[in-house]
Amino acid sequence: MEAIEEVVVVDSLSEASELWKQYCRDELLYDSWGIRLRFSESEVTRPHFLKARFTDGTIGVLPLQWNESRSRYEFFGGVYMEGSSVLPHDKKKKKKRALYDRTP
């Protein structure tokens, strides 16, 4: 498993937007920040992105939101978004596992 040096919670929508635009590959409709934002706004939610710096210097982002009505964390944009994962996509899945272990 990859070692994480630091995890920061990003709860500002503007900072979350910048992280999304920097790290998300824009291949699917559901990869669009605008689409995710609209779905997120359909319920009472707030961003809860986990930004991790790994010991090798790379950055990983787990884009979550807190859903008030369901009292749970879920991927940003809601449960119906396809392709939700750690950003940027981690082919070996070691960083993904390390970040998932840090989820609330």
C-alpha atoms as a PDB file:
ATOM      1  CA  MET A   1       0.000   0.000   0.000  1.00  0.00           C
ATOM      2  CA  GLU A   2       1.144   3.519  -0.717  1.00  0.00           C
ATOM      3  CA  ALA A   3       2.063   5.719   2.241  1.00  0.00           C
ATOM      4  CA  ILE A   4       0.239   9.007   2.688  1.00  0.00           C
ATOM      5  CA  GLU A   5       2.152  11.977   4.116  1.00  0.00           C
ATOM      6  CA  GLU A   6      -0.798  14.316   4.546  1.00  0.00           C
ATOM      7  CA  VAL A   7      -4.560  14.427   3.995  1.00  0.00           C
ATOM      8  CA  VAL A   8      -6.422  17.713   3.769  1.00  0.00           C
ATOM      9  CA  VAL A   9     -10.207  18.076   3.681  1.00  0.00           C
ATOM     10  CA  VAL A  10     -11.371  20.518   1.020  1.00  0.00           C
ATOM     11  CA  ASP A  11     -14.890  21.748   1.769  1.00  0.00           C
ATOM     12  CA  SER A  12     -14.881  24.910  -0.318  1.00  0.00           C
ATOM     13  CA  LEU A  13     -16.807  24.558  -3.575  1.00  0.00           C
ATOM     14  CA  SER A  14     -14.354  26.791  -5.437  1.00  0.00           C
ATOM     15  CA  GLU A  15     -11.323  24.774  -4.246  1.00  0.00           C
ATOM     16  CA  ALA A  16     -13.141  21.503  -5.023  1.00  0.00           C
ATOM     17  CA  SER A  17     -13.849  22.812  -8.527  1.00  0.00           C
ATOM     18  CA  GLU A  18     -10.173  23.610  -9.089  1.00  0.00           C
ATOM     19  CA  LEU A  19      -9.102  20.139  -7.885  1.00  0.00           C
ATOM     20  CA  TRP A  20     -11.695  18.516 -10.126  1.00  0.00           C
ATOM     21  CA  LYS A  21     -10.609  20.468 -13.174  1.00  0.00           C
ATOM     22  CA  GLN A  22      -6.933  19.765 -12.475  1.00  0.00           C
ATOM     23  CA  TYR A  23      -7.160  16.013 -11.850  1.00  0.00           C
ATOM     24  CA  CYS A  24     -10.270  14.664 -13.566  1.00  0.00           C
ATOM     25  CA  ARG A  25      -9.917  13.174 -17.015  1.00  0.00           C
ATOM     26  CA  ASP A  26     -12.765  14.599 -19.051  1.00  0.00           C
ATOM     27  CA  GLU A  27     -13.800  11.484 -20.993  1.00  0.00           C
ATOM     28  CA  LEU A  28     -17.406  10.822 -19.994  1.00  0.00           C
ATOM     29  CA  LEU A  29     -20.423  13.064 -19.568  1.00  0.00           C
ATOM     30  CA  TYR A  30     -20.251  12.312 -15.839  1.00  0.00           C
ATOM     31  CA  ASP A  31     -16.677  13.636 -15.750  1.00  0.00           C
ATOM     32  CA  SER A  32     -17.967  17.152 -16.376  1.00  0.00           C
ATOM     33  CA  TRP A  33     -17.765  19.451 -13.338  1.00  0.00           C
ATOM     34  CA  GLY A  34     -21.000  21.158 -14.422  1.00  0.00           C
ATOM     35  CA  ILE A  35     -22.927  17.877 -14.537  1.00  0.00           C
ATOM     36  CA  ARG A  36     -21.600  16.766 -11.147  1.00  0.00           C
ATOM     37  CA  LEU A  37     -22.368  20.153  -9.633  1.00  0.00           C
ATOM     38  CA  ARG A  38     -25.984  20.099 -10.883  1.00  0.00           C
ATOM     39  CA  PHE A  39     -26.569  16.634  -9.414  1.00  0.00           C
ATOM     40  CA  SER A  40     -24.914  17.709  -6.175  1.00  0.00           C
ATOM     41  CA  GLU A  41     -27.181  20.753  -5.959  1.00  0.00           C
ATOM     42  CA  SER A  42     -30.304  18.603  -6.344  1.00  0.00           C
ATOM     43  CA  GLU A  43     -29.984  17.649  -2.657  1.00  0.00           C
ATOM     44  CA  VAL A  44     -28.604  19.367   0.427  1.00  0.00           C
ATOM     45  CA  THR A  45     -24.917  18.485   0.185  1.00  0.00           C
ATOM     46  CA  ARG A  46     -21.534  20.025   0.842  1.00  0.00           C
ATOM     47  CA  PRO A  47     -18.204  19.044  -0.728  1.00  0.00           C
ATOM     48  CA  HIS A  48     -15.806  16.922   1.318  1.00  0.00           C
ATOM     49  CA  PHE A  49     -12.870  16.254  -0.993  1.00  0.00           C
ATOM     50  CA  LEU A  50      -9.932  14.384   0.523  1.00  0.00           C
ATOM     51  CA  LYS A  51      -6.682  15.653  -0.986  1.00  0.00           C
ATOM     52  CA  ALA A  52      -3.723  13.417  -0.176  1.00  0.00           C
ATOM     53  CA  ARG A  53      -0.032  13.889  -0.727  1.00  0.00           C
ATOM     54  CA  PHE A  54       1.784  10.564  -0.988  1.00  0.00           C
ATOM     55  CA  THR A  55       5.392   9.956   0.022  1.00  0.00           C
ATOM     56  CA  ASP A  56       6.393   9.811  -3.649  1.00  0.00           C
ATOM     57  CA  GLY A  57       5.129  13.396  -4.057  1.00  0.00           C
ATOM     58  CA  THR A  58       2.027  12.591  -6.086  1.00  0.00           C
ATOM     59  CA  ILE A  59      -1.388  13.990  -5.230  1.00  0.00           C
ATOM     60  CA  GLY A  60      -4.601  11.985  -5.039  1.00  0.00           C
ATOM     61  CA  VAL A  61      -8.118  13.319  -4.607  1.00  0.00           C
ATOM     62  CA  LEU A  62     -11.147  11.433  -3.342  1.00  0.00           C
ATOM     63  CA  PRO A  63     -14.131  13.609  -4.391  1.00  0.00           C
ATOM     64  CA  LEU A  64     -16.821  13.128  -1.735  1.00  0.00           C
ATOM     65  CA  GLN A  65     -19.802  15.093  -0.533  1.00  0.00           C
ATOM     66  CA  TRP A  66     -21.783  15.000   2.690  1.00  0.00           C
ATOM     67  CA  ASN A  67     -25.452  14.322   1.947  1.00  0.00           C
ATOM     68  CA  GLU A  68     -27.562  15.905   4.707  1.00  0.00           C
ATOM     69  CA  SER A  69     -30.818  14.110   3.908  1.00  0.00           C
ATOM     70  CA  ARG A  70     -29.146  10.681   3.851  1.00  0.00           C
ATOM     71  CA  SER A  71     -26.640  11.423   6.646  1.00  0.00           C
ATOM     72  CA  ARG A  72     -23.744   9.898   4.747  1.00  0.00           C
ATOM     73  CA  TYR A  73     -20.729  10.563   2.595  1.00  0.00           C
ATOM     74  CA  GLU A  74     -20.971   9.692  -1.080  1.00  0.00           C
ATOM     75  CA  PHE A  75     -19.114  10.471  -4.275  1.00  0.00           C
ATOM     76  CA  PHE A  76     -19.460  14.073  -5.397  1.00  0.00           C
ATOM     77  CA  GLY A  77     -22.524  14.378  -7.614  1.00  0.00           C
ATOM     78  CA  GLY A  78     -24.388  11.566  -5.882  1.00  0.00           C
ATOM     79  CA  VAL A  79     -24.718   7.826  -6.050  1.00  0.00           C
ATOM     80  CA  TYR A  80     -25.820   7.703  -9.693  1.00  0.00           C
ATOM     81  CA  MET A  81     -22.559   9.036 -11.140  1.00  0.00           C
ATOM     82  CA  GLU A  82     -20.667   6.532 -13.273  1.00  0.00           C
ATOM     83  CA  GLY A  83     -16.920   6.142 -13.038  1.00  0.00           C
ATOM     84  CA  SER A  84     -16.519   7.683  -9.577  1.00  0.00           C
ATOM     85  CA  SER A  85     -13.049   7.031  -8.235  1.00  0.00           C
ATOM     86  CA  VAL A  86      -9.881   8.550  -6.872  1.00  0.00           C
ATOM     87  CA  LEU A  87      -8.484  11.320  -9.084  1.00  0.00           C
ATOM     88  CA  PRO A  88      -6.323  11.016 -11.062  1.00  0.00           C
ATOM     89  CA  HIS A  89      -7.236   7.435 -11.886  1.00  0.00           C
ATOM     90  CA  ASP A  90      -4.865   4.996 -10.193  1.00  0.00           C
ATOM     91  CA  LYS A  91      -4.279   1.965 -12.404  1.00  0.00           C
ATOM     92  CA  LYS A  92      -2.467  -0.034  -9.717  1.00  0.00           C
ATOM     93  CA  LYS A  93      -5.175   0.834  -7.172  1.00  0.00           C
ATOM     94  CA  LYS A  94      -2.652   1.117  -4.312  1.00  0.00           C
ATOM     95  CA  LYS A  95      -3.285   4.822  -3.835  1.00  0.00           C
ATOM     96  CA  LYS A  96      -7.019   4.296  -4.117  1.00  0.00           C
ATOM     97  CA  ARG A  97      -6.930   1.765  -1.267  1.00  0.00           C
ATOM     98  CA  ALA A  98      -4.799   4.103   0.881  1.00  0.00           C
ATOM     99  CA  LEU A  99      -7.268   6.959   0.359  1.00  0.00           C
ATOM    100  CA  TYR A 100     -10.327   4.776   0.935  1.00  0.00           C
ATOM    101  CA  ASP A 101      -8.809   3.749   4.254  1.00  0.00           C
ATOM    102  CA  ARG A 102      -8.871   7.430   5.251  1.00  0.00           C
ATOM    103  CA  THR A 103     -12.553   8.022   4.510  1.00  0.00           C
ATOM    104  CA  PRO A 104     -14.827   9.106   7.342  1.00  0.00           C
END
